[in-house]
Amino acid sequence: MKPVRRPVAYLYLVLAMALWGAGPVVVRGVHEIAPPFALTFWRWLGVTLMLLPFVWNRVARELPPSPSARRQVALICAYMVAGSTLSVVAVSYTTAINATVINATQPAVTALAAFLVFAERLTRVRFLGVVAAFIGILVMAFQASFQALLQLSVNSGDLIMFVAVCCWSLYAISLHRATELPGTAVLLFLIALGGAIVGLPLYVAESLLDRPFLPTPQTIGAVIFLAVGVSLFAVHFWNSAIRTVGANRAAIFVNLIPVFGAAFAIGFLDERLFAYHLAGAGLVVVGIFLAVRRGRHDSR
């Protein structure tokens, strides 16, 4: 695939962030009529069916031959499926604004996870960035209320969203460290197939024990947007842009996710933006800047 020009790459990054910022807003908008596991299952099934004609004869050829490398690919798929599933569940219990701001902490969480799990070097500046990002999450989760902090009265949706971010961070680290991987299309197909397989029993149980998925224009539109917009177009824009501007520069654009998410949530869901959102988002942005910043003595 030929790299795109730099202005086009920046446009792609903005579009990808807009789509990823809109994802939680769409899920939140239909959460009362579309249960989370149903959305997850149909979303991944849709991606699987759309990619199947293009990759069906490439999967066996592109899968790494060694068992250890295949286990690595399976783990990468599991991290992405877990993160995506938990993020949909989270938005059923928290606002879209909270979800998108917590989502934006991924660079800082990734730096900490790389240090804890893989013993990668964590500079003092990056450590400060991680701390700032976590404080930003706490400010939002406890709504800047010291009494709520003492009582540990936190929104469960915020906690679930943070666990989803941790899964995505492990996905990013494992993807970066993997030595044998299939192509982008095949890897996305394997993720989607795994998501559909894992999501099916959860979807069936949800339909029997909680509530069924009702096919309406709103719910079908949400599934199509999650499958095409969030899972296909956004990933394509992101991967194409990285080939031109590099991963480090592209990571700065993650800051746009809560901007788009808040704008869409306020415009379409009538959610309100409070002072603690701004304070938490400010700390998150500072944390991300420090976490992805390269110091003079940092060679990575």
C-alpha atoms as a PDB file:
ATOM      1  CA  MET A   1       0.000   0.000   0.000  1.00  0.00           C
ATOM      2  CA  LYS A   2       1.479   3.335  -1.084  1.00  0.00           C
ATOM      3  CA  PRO A   3       1.830   5.892   1.745  1.00  0.00           C
ATOM      4  CA  VAL A   4      -0.548   8.847   1.506  1.00  0.00           C
ATOM      5  CA  ARG A   5       0.627  12.448   1.455  1.00  0.00           C
ATOM      6  CA  ARG A   6       1.187  14.184   4.778  1.00  0.00           C
ATOM      7  CA  PRO A   7      -1.877  16.528   4.599  1.00  0.00           C
ATOM      8  CA  VAL A   8      -4.063  13.533   3.729  1.00  0.00           C
ATOM      9  CA  ALA A   9      -2.510  11.572   6.593  1.00  0.00           C
ATOM     10  CA  TYR A  10      -3.424  14.312   9.067  1.00  0.00           C
ATOM     11  CA  LEU A  11      -6.957  14.386   7.676  1.00  0.00           C
ATOM     12  CA  TYR A  12      -7.157  10.609   8.106  1.00  0.00           C
ATOM     13  CA  LEU A  13      -6.069  10.948  11.742  1.00  0.00           C
ATOM     14  CA  VAL A  14      -8.752  13.537  12.448  1.00  0.00           C
ATOM     15  CA  LEU A  15     -11.392  11.341  10.790  1.00  0.00           C
ATOM     16  CA  ALA A  16     -10.250   8.288  12.773  1.00  0.00           C
ATOM     17  CA  MET A  17     -10.444  10.214  16.057  1.00  0.00           C
ATOM     18  CA  ALA A  18     -13.897  11.541  15.128  1.00  0.00           C
ATOM     19  CA  LEU A  19     -15.146   8.008  14.439  1.00  0.00           C
ATOM     20  CA  TRP A  20     -13.627   6.611  17.630  1.00  0.00           C
ATOM     21  CA  GLY A  21     -15.016   9.561  19.596  1.00  0.00           C
ATOM     22  CA  ALA A  22     -18.470   8.968  18.125  1.00  0.00           C
ATOM     23  CA  GLY A  23     -18.478   5.246  18.980  1.00  0.00           C
ATOM     24  CA  PRO A  24     -19.355   5.602  22.696  1.00  0.00           C
ATOM     25  CA  VAL A  25     -21.915   8.260  21.824  1.00  0.00           C
ATOM     26  CA  VAL A  26     -23.705   5.918  19.417  1.00  0.00           C
ATOM     27  CA  VAL A  27     -23.642   3.056  21.954  1.00  0.00           C
ATOM     28  CA  ARG A  28     -24.915   5.355  24.699  1.00  0.00           C
ATOM     29  CA  GLY A  29     -27.664   6.619  22.427  1.00  0.00           C
ATOM     30  CA  VAL A  30     -29.154   3.141  21.916  1.00  0.00           C
ATOM     31  CA  HIS A  31     -28.195   1.455  25.222  1.00  0.00           C
ATOM     32  CA  GLU A  32     -31.804   1.395  26.426  1.00  0.00           C
ATOM     33  CA  ILE A  33     -33.001  -0.558  23.365  1.00  0.00           C
ATOM     34  CA  ALA A  34     -29.815  -2.438  22.410  1.00  0.00           C
ATOM     35  CA  PRO A  35     -28.115  -4.524  25.140  1.00  0.00           C
ATOM     36  CA  PRO A  36     -24.284  -4.446  25.097  1.00  0.00           C
ATOM     37  CA  PHE A  37     -23.459  -8.055  24.231  1.00  0.00           C
ATOM     38  CA  ALA A  38     -25.920  -7.977  21.336  1.00  0.00           C
ATOM     39  CA  LEU A  39     -24.231  -4.870  19.923  1.00  0.00           C
ATOM     40  CA  THR A  40     -20.836  -6.494  20.350  1.00  0.00           C
ATOM     41  CA  PHE A  41     -21.807  -9.770  18.692  1.00  0.00           C
ATOM     42  CA  TRP A  42     -23.535  -8.230  15.675  1.00  0.00           C
ATOM     43  CA  ARG A  43     -20.752  -5.674  15.254  1.00  0.00           C
ATOM     44  CA  TRP A  44     -18.025  -8.349  15.080  1.00  0.00           C
ATOM     45  CA  LEU A  45     -20.145 -10.664  12.943  1.00  0.00           C
ATOM     46  CA  GLY A  46     -20.650  -7.812  10.482  1.00  0.00           C
ATOM     47  CA  VAL A  47     -16.911  -7.123  10.278  1.00  0.00           C
ATOM     48  CA  THR A  48     -16.220 -10.841   9.822  1.00  0.00           C
ATOM     49  CA  LEU A  49     -18.660 -11.158   6.922  1.00  0.00           C
ATOM     50  CA  MET A  50     -17.402  -7.979   5.227  1.00  0.00           C
ATOM     51  CA  LEU A  51     -13.759  -9.066   5.369  1.00  0.00           C
ATOM     52  CA  LEU A  52     -14.308 -12.746   4.553  1.00  0.00           C
ATOM     53  CA  PRO A  53     -14.392 -12.387   0.713  1.00  0.00           C
ATOM     54  CA  PHE A  54     -11.049 -10.540   0.792  1.00  0.00           C
ATOM     55  CA  VAL A  55      -9.095 -12.710   3.216  1.00  0.00           C
ATOM     56  CA  TRP A  56     -10.528 -16.243   3.065  1.00  0.00           C
ATOM     57  CA  ASN A  57      -7.653 -17.516   0.902  1.00  0.00           C
ATOM     58  CA  ARG A  58      -4.980 -15.571   2.811  1.00  0.00           C
ATOM     59  CA  VAL A  59      -5.573 -16.589   6.433  1.00  0.00           C
ATOM     60  CA  ALA A  60      -3.771 -19.947   6.308  1.00  0.00           C
ATOM     61  CA  ARG A  61      -0.929 -18.457   4.270  1.00  0.00           C
ATOM     62  CA  GLU A  62      -0.356 -15.450   6.540  1.00  0.00           C
ATOM     63  CA  LEU A  63      -0.681 -17.155   9.911  1.00  0.00           C
ATOM     64  CA  PRO A  64       2.768 -17.595  11.511  1.00  0.00           C
ATOM     65  CA  PRO A  65       3.921 -21.243  11.451  1.00  0.00           C
ATOM     66  CA  SER A  66       5.318 -21.525  14.982  1.00  0.00           C
ATOM     67  CA  PRO A  67       2.919 -22.401  17.855  1.00  0.00           C
ATOM     68  CA  SER A  68       4.356 -19.652  20.076  1.00  0.00           C
ATOM     69  CA  ALA A  69       3.729 -17.008  17.418  1.00  0.00           C
ATOM     70  CA  ARG A  70       0.171 -18.266  16.923  1.00  0.00           C
ATOM     71  CA  ARG A  71      -0.435 -18.051  20.666  1.00  0.00           C
ATOM     72  CA  GLN A  72       0.849 -14.485  20.493  1.00  0.00           C
ATOM     73  CA  VAL A  73      -1.647 -13.681  17.734  1.00  0.00           C
ATOM     74  CA  ALA A  74      -4.452 -15.298  19.762  1.00  0.00           C
ATOM     75  CA  LEU A  75      -3.511 -13.186  22.789  1.00  0.00           C
ATOM     76  CA  ILE A  76      -3.518  -9.998  20.702  1.00  0.00           C
ATOM     77  CA  CYS A  77      -6.996 -10.847  19.418  1.00  0.00           C
ATOM     78  CA  ALA A  78      -8.194 -11.603  22.958  1.00  0.00           C
ATOM     79  CA  TYR A  79      -7.004  -8.231  24.278  1.00  0.00           C
ATOM     80  CA  MET A  80      -8.827  -6.332  21.530  1.00  0.00           C
ATOM     81  CA  VAL A  81     -12.049  -8.342  21.876  1.00  0.00           C
ATOM     82  CA  ALA A  82     -12.044  -7.908  25.675  1.00  0.00           C
ATOM     83  CA  GLY A  83     -11.386  -4.174  25.447  1.00  0.00           C
ATOM     84  CA  SER A  84     -14.065  -3.580  22.831  1.00  0.00           C
ATOM     85  CA  THR A  85     -16.655  -5.671  24.679  1.00  0.00           C
ATOM     86  CA  LEU A  86     -16.004  -3.985  28.023  1.00  0.00           C
ATOM     87  CA  SER A  87     -16.167  -0.522  26.456  1.00  0.00           C
ATOM     88  CA  VAL A  88     -19.674  -1.221  25.137  1.00  0.00           C
ATOM     89  CA  VAL A  89     -20.749  -2.566  28.540  1.00  0.00           C
ATOM     90  CA  ALA A  90     -19.241   0.489  30.261  1.00  0.00           C
ATOM     91  CA  VAL A  91     -21.277   3.009  28.271  1.00  0.00           C
ATOM     92  CA  SER A  92     -24.446   1.380  29.587  1.00  0.00           C
ATOM     93  CA  TYR A  93     -23.478   2.632  33.061  1.00  0.00           C
ATOM     94  CA  THR A  94     -21.629   5.887  32.461  1.00  0.00           C
ATOM     95  CA  THR A  95     -21.881   8.903  30.194  1.00  0.00           C
ATOM     96  CA  ALA A  96     -20.343   9.059  26.739  1.00  0.00           C
ATOM     97  CA  ILE A  97     -18.244  12.055  27.856  1.00  0.00           C
ATOM     98  CA  ASN A  98     -16.697  10.075  30.725  1.00  0.00           C
ATOM     99  CA  ALA A  99     -16.053   7.086  28.465  1.00  0.00           C
ATOM    100  CA  THR A 100     -14.243   9.111  25.801  1.00  0.00           C
ATOM    101  CA  VAL A 101     -12.069  10.995  28.299  1.00  0.00           C
ATOM    102  CA  ILE A 102     -11.078   7.756  30.050  1.00  0.00           C
ATOM    103  CA  ASN A 103     -10.413   6.238  26.630  1.00  0.00           C
ATOM    104  CA  ALA A 104      -7.908   9.015  25.947  1.00  0.00           C
ATOM    105  CA  THR A 105      -5.698   7.869  28.839  1.00  0.00           C
ATOM    106  CA  GLN A 106      -4.521   4.895  26.780  1.00  0.00           C
ATOM    107  CA  PRO A 107      -1.025   6.297  25.963  1.00  0.00           C
ATOM    108  CA  ALA A 108      -0.293   6.865  29.654  1.00  0.00           C
ATOM    109  CA  VAL A 109      -1.745   3.493  30.665  1.00  0.00           C
ATOM    110  CA  THR A 110       0.282   1.823  27.901  1.00  0.00           C
ATOM    111  CA  ALA A 111       3.496   3.332  29.276  1.00  0.00           C
ATOM    112  CA  LEU A 112       2.702   1.988  32.753  1.00  0.00           C
ATOM    113  CA  ALA A 113       1.646  -1.450  31.452  1.00  0.00           C
ATOM    114  CA  ALA A 114       4.858  -1.763  29.424  1.00  0.00           C
ATOM    115  CA  PHE A 115       6.815  -1.070  32.620  1.00  0.00           C
ATOM    116  CA  LEU A 116       4.833  -3.457  34.852  1.00  0.00           C
ATOM    117  CA  VAL A 117       4.334  -6.354  32.427  1.00  0.00           C
ATOM    118  CA  PHE A 118       7.380  -6.205  30.170  1.00  0.00           C
ATOM    119  CA  ALA A 119       9.803  -4.243  32.377  1.00  0.00           C
ATOM    120  CA  GLU A 120      10.272  -1.566  29.741  1.00  0.00           C
ATOM    121  CA  ARG A 121      11.991   1.598  30.904  1.00  0.00           C
ATOM    122  CA  LEU A 122       9.702   4.220  32.471  1.00  0.00           C
ATOM    123  CA  THR A 123      11.373   7.619  32.752  1.00  0.00           C
ATOM    124  CA  ARG A 124      10.520  10.054  35.502  1.00  0.00           C
ATOM    125  CA  VAL A 125       8.769  12.320  33.013  1.00  0.00           C
ATOM    126  CA  ARG A 126       6.619   9.481  31.734  1.00  0.00           C
ATOM    127  CA  PHE A 127       5.910   8.378  35.295  1.00  0.00           C
ATOM    128  CA  LEU A 128       4.633  11.886  36.053  1.00  0.00           C
ATOM    129  CA  GLY A 129       2.473  11.635  32.942  1.00  0.00           C
ATOM    130  CA  VAL A 130       0.980   8.353  34.145  1.00  0.00           C
ATOM    131  CA  VAL A 131       0.262   9.868  37.571  1.00  0.00           C
ATOM    132  CA  ALA A 132      -1.370  12.954  36.023  1.00  0.00           C
ATOM    133  CA  ALA A 133      -3.573  10.803  33.781  1.00  0.00           C
ATOM    134  CA  PHE A 134      -4.689   8.609  36.691  1.00  0.00           C
ATOM    135  CA  ILE A 135      -5.499  11.654  38.812  1.00  0.00           C
ATOM    136  CA  GLY A 136      -7.562  12.941  35.892  1.00  0.00           C
ATOM    137  CA  ILE A 137      -9.541   9.683  35.874  1.00  0.00           C
ATOM    138  CA  LEU A 138     -10.140   9.925  39.633  1.00  0.00           C
ATOM    139  CA  VAL A 139     -11.307  13.538  39.330  1.00  0.00           C
ATOM    140  CA  MET A 140     -13.924  12.474  36.802  1.00  0.00           C
ATOM    141  CA  ALA A 141     -14.883   9.143  38.367  1.00  0.00           C
ATOM    142  CA  PHE A 142     -15.501  10.740  41.772  1.00  0.00           C
ATOM    143  CA  GLN A 143     -16.831  13.979  40.221  1.00  0.00           C
ATOM    144  CA  ALA A 144     -14.169  16.005  42.066  1.00  0.00           C
ATOM    145  CA  SER A 145     -15.916  15.125  45.341  1.00  0.00           C
ATOM    146  CA  PHE A 146     -13.609  14.367  48.278  1.00  0.00           C
ATOM    147  CA  GLN A 147     -16.555  12.848  50.151  1.00  0.00           C
ATOM    148  CA  ALA A 148     -17.269  10.455  47.274  1.00  0.00           C
ATOM    149  CA  LEU A 149     -13.590   9.498  47.271  1.00  0.00           C
ATOM    150  CA  LEU A 150     -13.657   8.705  50.989  1.00  0.00           C
ATOM    151  CA  GLN A 151     -16.811   6.619  50.536  1.00  0.00           C
ATOM    152  CA  LEU A 152     -15.425   4.976  47.382  1.00  0.00           C
ATOM    153  CA  SER A 153     -18.645   5.979  45.646  1.00  0.00           C
ATOM    154  CA  VAL A 154     -17.496   5.571  42.061  1.00  0.00           C
ATOM    155  CA  ASN A 155     -19.439   4.964  38.882  1.00  0.00           C
ATOM    156  CA  SER A 156     -19.084   1.291  37.910  1.00  0.00           C
ATOM    157  CA  GLY A 157     -19.147   2.249  34.237  1.00  0.00           C
ATOM    158  CA  ASP A 158     -16.028   4.368  34.684  1.00  0.00           C
ATOM    159  CA  LEU A 159     -14.202   1.420  36.270  1.00  0.00           C
ATOM    160  CA  ILE A 160     -15.282  -0.933  33.480  1.00  0.00           C
ATOM    161  CA  MET A 161     -14.108   1.605  30.891  1.00  0.00           C
ATOM    162  CA  PHE A 162     -10.748   1.854  32.601  1.00  0.00           C
ATOM    163  CA  VAL A 163     -10.363  -1.949  32.474  1.00  0.00           C
ATOM    164  CA  ALA A 164     -11.180  -1.746  28.751  1.00  0.00           C
ATOM    165  CA  VAL A 165      -8.387   0.822  28.327  1.00  0.00           C
ATOM    166  CA  CYS A 166      -6.001  -1.538  30.136  1.00  0.00           C
ATOM    167  CA  CYS A 167      -6.915  -4.308  27.660  1.00  0.00           C
ATOM    168  CA  TRP A 168      -6.326  -1.984  24.707  1.00  0.00           C
ATOM    169  CA  SER A 169      -2.966  -0.978  26.186  1.00  0.00           C
ATOM    170  CA  LEU A 170      -1.902  -4.621  26.468  1.00  0.00           C
ATOM    171  CA  TYR A 171      -3.073  -5.080  22.871  1.00  0.00           C
ATOM    172  CA  ALA A 172      -0.925  -2.155  21.705  1.00  0.00           C
ATOM    173  CA  ILE A 173       2.149  -3.407  23.593  1.00  0.00           C
ATOM    174  CA  SER A 174       1.748  -6.985  22.375  1.00  0.00           C
ATOM    175  CA  LEU A 175       1.199  -5.786  18.815  1.00  0.00           C
ATOM    176  CA  HIS A 176       4.355  -3.677  18.982  1.00  0.00           C
ATOM    177  CA  ARG A 177       6.467  -6.490  20.442  1.00  0.00           C
ATOM    178  CA  ALA A 178       5.180  -9.263  18.169  1.00  0.00           C
ATOM    179  CA  THR A 179       7.753 -10.570  15.706  1.00  0.00           C
ATOM    180  CA  GLU A 180       5.435 -12.628  13.476  1.00  0.00           C
ATOM    181  CA  LEU A 181       2.042 -11.233  12.545  1.00  0.00           C
ATOM    182  CA  PRO A 182      -0.382 -11.650   9.641  1.00  0.00           C
ATOM    183  CA  GLY A 183      -1.295  -8.642   7.494  1.00  0.00           C
ATOM    184  CA  THR A 184      -3.602  -5.933   8.812  1.00  0.00           C
ATOM    185  CA  ALA A 185      -6.719  -7.240   7.042  1.00  0.00           C
ATOM    186  CA  VAL A 186      -6.171 -10.820   8.187  1.00  0.00           C
ATOM    187  CA  LEU A 187      -5.440  -9.736  11.756  1.00  0.00           C
ATOM    188  CA  LEU A 188      -8.606  -7.634  11.862  1.00  0.00           C
ATOM    189  CA  PHE A 189     -10.553 -10.593  10.448  1.00  0.00           C
ATOM    190  CA  LEU A 190      -9.181 -12.877  13.180  1.00  0.00           C
ATOM    191  CA  ILE A 191     -10.093 -10.304  15.842  1.00  0.00           C
ATOM    192  CA  ALA A 192     -13.614  -9.991  14.443  1.00  0.00           C
ATOM    193  CA  LEU A 193     -14.046 -13.755  14.154  1.00  0.00           C
ATOM    194  CA  GLY A 194     -12.859 -14.205  17.728  1.00  0.00           C
ATOM    195  CA  GLY A 195     -15.216 -11.460  18.870  1.00  0.00           C
ATOM    196  CA  ALA A 196     -18.173 -13.114  17.150  1.00  0.00           C
ATOM    197  CA  ILE A 197     -17.344 -16.561  18.580  1.00  0.00           C
ATOM    198  CA  VAL A 198     -16.841 -15.286  22.131  1.00  0.00           C
ATOM    199  CA  GLY A 199     -19.784 -12.903  21.878  1.00  0.00           C
ATOM    200  CA  LEU A 200     -22.326 -15.485  20.709  1.00  0.00           C
ATOM    201  CA  PRO A 201     -22.856 -17.294  24.059  1.00  0.00           C
ATOM    202  CA  LEU A 202     -22.850 -13.955  25.893  1.00  0.00           C
ATOM    203  CA  TYR A 203     -25.449 -12.634  23.458  1.00  0.00           C
ATOM    204  CA  VAL A 204     -27.634 -15.742  23.865  1.00  0.00           C
ATOM    205  CA  ALA A 205     -27.393 -15.582  27.663  1.00  0.00           C
ATOM    206  CA  GLU A 206     -28.205 -11.882  27.621  1.00  0.00           C
ATOM    207  CA  SER A 207     -31.265 -12.498  25.450  1.00  0.00           C
ATOM    208  CA  LEU A 208     -32.559 -15.236  27.763  1.00  0.00           C
ATOM    209  CA  LEU A 209     -31.723 -13.676  31.138  1.00  0.00           C
ATOM    210  CA  ASP A 210     -32.025  -9.956  30.489  1.00  0.00           C
ATOM    211  CA  ARG A 211     -33.578  -8.652  27.271  1.00  0.00           C
ATOM    212  CA  PRO A 212     -33.428  -9.502  23.572  1.00  0.00           C
ATOM    213  CA  PHE A 213     -31.991  -7.410  20.778  1.00  0.00           C
ATOM    214  CA  LEU A 214     -34.781  -5.676  18.858  1.00  0.00           C
ATOM    215  CA  PRO A 215     -33.946  -4.916  15.213  1.00  0.00           C
ATOM    216  CA  THR A 216     -35.036  -1.310  14.697  1.00  0.00           C
ATOM    217  CA  PRO A 217     -33.603   1.386  12.406  1.00  0.00           C
ATOM    218  CA  GLN A 218     -31.719   2.809  15.415  1.00  0.00           C
ATOM    219  CA  THR A 219     -30.173  -0.475  16.573  1.00  0.00           C
ATOM    220  CA  ILE A 220     -29.332  -1.653  13.056  1.00  0.00           C
ATOM    221  CA  GLY A 221     -27.787   1.739  12.288  1.00  0.00           C
ATOM    222  CA  ALA A 222     -25.696   1.511  15.461  1.00  0.00           C
ATOM    223  CA  VAL A 223     -24.401  -1.939  14.490  1.00  0.00           C
ATOM    224  CA  ILE A 224     -23.527  -0.754  10.975  1.00  0.00           C
ATOM    225  CA  PHE A 225     -21.716   2.301  12.319  1.00  0.00           C
ATOM    226  CA  LEU A 226     -19.721   0.256  14.849  1.00  0.00           C
ATOM    227  CA  ALA A 227     -18.801  -2.334  12.208  1.00  0.00           C
ATOM    228  CA  VAL A 228     -18.066  -0.065   9.244  1.00  0.00           C
ATOM    229  CA  GLY A 229     -17.150   3.269  10.819  1.00  0.00           C
ATOM    230  CA  VAL A 230     -15.358   2.298  14.032  1.00  0.00           C
ATOM    231  CA  SER A 231     -13.933  -1.111  13.102  1.00  0.00           C
ATOM    232  CA  LEU A 232     -13.100  -0.714   9.396  1.00  0.00           C
ATOM    233  CA  PHE A 233     -12.802   2.917   8.312  1.00  0.00           C
ATOM    234  CA  ALA A 234     -11.173   4.233  11.497  1.00  0.00           C
ATOM    235  CA  VAL A 235      -8.624   1.409  11.545  1.00  0.00           C
ATOM    236  CA  HIS A 236      -7.877   1.961   7.837  1.00  0.00           C
ATOM    237  CA  PHE A 237      -7.420   5.715   8.358  1.00  0.00           C
ATOM    238  CA  TRP A 238      -5.205   5.127  11.403  1.00  0.00           C
ATOM    239  CA  ASN A 239      -2.969   2.523   9.722  1.00  0.00           C
ATOM    240  CA  SER A 240      -2.632   4.596   6.542  1.00  0.00           C
ATOM    241  CA  ALA A 241      -1.691   7.729   8.487  1.00  0.00           C
ATOM    242  CA  ILE A 242       0.899   5.945  10.637  1.00  0.00           C
ATOM    243  CA  ARG A 243       2.757   4.860   7.489  1.00  0.00           C
ATOM    244  CA  THR A 244       3.250   8.548   6.654  1.00  0.00           C
ATOM    245  CA  VAL A 245       3.646  10.446   9.942  1.00  0.00           C
ATOM    246  CA  GLY A 246       4.806   7.677  12.311  1.00  0.00           C
ATOM    247  CA  ALA A 247       3.242   6.215  15.451  1.00  0.00           C
ATOM    248  CA  ASN A 248       4.630   8.796  17.901  1.00  0.00           C
ATOM    249  CA  ARG A 249       3.241  11.805  16.059  1.00  0.00           C
ATOM    250  CA  ALA A 250      -0.042  10.017  15.402  1.00  0.00           C
ATOM    251  CA  ALA A 251      -0.416   9.245  19.135  1.00  0.00           C
ATOM    252  CA  ILE A 252      -0.828  12.958  19.888  1.00  0.00           C
ATOM    253  CA  PHE A 253      -4.077  12.928  17.907  1.00  0.00           C
ATOM    254  CA  VAL A 254      -5.598  10.597  20.542  1.00  0.00           C
ATOM    255  CA  ASN A 255      -6.229  13.823  22.478  1.00  0.00           C
ATOM    256  CA  LEU A 256      -8.987  14.571  19.948  1.00  0.00           C
ATOM    257  CA  ILE A 257     -11.087  11.552  21.027  1.00  0.00           C
ATOM    258  CA  PRO A 258     -12.570  13.231  24.133  1.00  0.00           C
ATOM    259  CA  VAL A 259     -12.987  16.492  22.197  1.00  0.00           C
ATOM    260  CA  PHE A 260     -15.104  14.814  19.530  1.00  0.00           C
ATOM    261  CA  GLY A 261     -16.797  12.560  22.083  1.00  0.00           C
ATOM    262  CA  ALA A 262     -17.846  15.472  24.286  1.00  0.00           C
ATOM    263  CA  ALA A 263     -19.017  17.511  21.312  1.00  0.00           C
ATOM    264  CA  PHE A 264     -21.126  14.652  19.934  1.00  0.00           C
ATOM    265  CA  ALA A 265     -22.493  13.739  23.381  1.00  0.00           C
ATOM    266  CA  ILE A 266     -23.535  17.330  24.080  1.00  0.00           C
ATOM    267  CA  GLY A 267     -24.967  17.816  20.590  1.00  0.00           C
ATOM    268  CA  PHE A 268     -26.826  14.517  20.183  1.00  0.00           C
ATOM    269  CA  LEU A 269     -27.429  13.160  23.693  1.00  0.00           C
ATOM    270  CA  ASP A 270     -27.921  16.439  25.571  1.00  0.00           C
ATOM    271  CA  GLU A 271     -25.232  15.438  28.042  1.00  0.00           C
ATOM    272  CA  ARG A 272     -23.816  18.221  30.199  1.00  0.00           C
ATOM    273  CA  LEU A 273     -20.184  19.221  30.524  1.00  0.00           C
ATOM    274  CA  PHE A 274     -19.214  19.913  34.146  1.00  0.00           C
ATOM    275  CA  ALA A 275     -16.169  21.569  35.660  1.00  0.00           C
ATOM    276  CA  TYR A 276     -14.813  18.212  36.849  1.00  0.00           C
ATOM    277  CA  HIS A 277     -14.859  16.995  33.222  1.00  0.00           C
ATOM    278  CA  LEU A 278     -12.652  19.926  32.205  1.00  0.00           C
ATOM    279  CA  ALA A 279     -10.324  19.441  35.182  1.00  0.00           C
ATOM    280  CA  GLY A 280     -10.027  15.702  34.583  1.00  0.00           C
ATOM    281  CA  ALA A 281      -9.560  16.133  30.835  1.00  0.00           C
ATOM    282  CA  GLY A 282      -6.867  18.749  31.426  1.00  0.00           C
ATOM    283  CA  LEU A 283      -4.904  16.361  33.650  1.00  0.00           C
ATOM    284  CA  VAL A 284      -5.355  13.581  31.108  1.00  0.00           C
ATOM    285  CA  VAL A 285      -4.001  15.773  28.284  1.00  0.00           C
ATOM    286  CA  VAL A 286      -0.982  16.749  30.409  1.00  0.00           C
ATOM    287  CA  GLY A 287      -0.449  13.103  31.284  1.00  0.00           C
ATOM    288  CA  ILE A 288      -0.610  12.008  27.643  1.00  0.00           C
ATOM    289  CA  PHE A 289       1.844  14.730  26.608  1.00  0.00           C
ATOM    290  CA  LEU A 290       4.341  13.635  29.256  1.00  0.00           C
ATOM    291  CA  ALA A 291       3.792   9.921  28.589  1.00  0.00           C
ATOM    292  CA  VAL A 292       4.548  10.151  24.856  1.00  0.00           C
ATOM    293  CA  ARG A 293       7.196  12.851  25.171  1.00  0.00           C
ATOM    294  CA  ARG A 294      10.739  11.940  24.261  1.00  0.00           C
ATOM    295  CA  GLY A 295      13.386  13.406  26.506  1.00  0.00           C
ATOM    296  CA  ARG A 296      16.956  14.199  25.484  1.00  0.00           C
ATOM    297  CA  HIS A 297      18.186  10.998  27.178  1.00  0.00           C
ATOM    298  CA  ASP A 298      15.292   8.824  26.040  1.00  0.00           C
ATOM    299  CA  SER A 299      16.343   6.891  22.958  1.00  0.00           C
ATOM    300  CA  ARG A 300      13.041   5.130  22.362  1.00  0.00           C
END
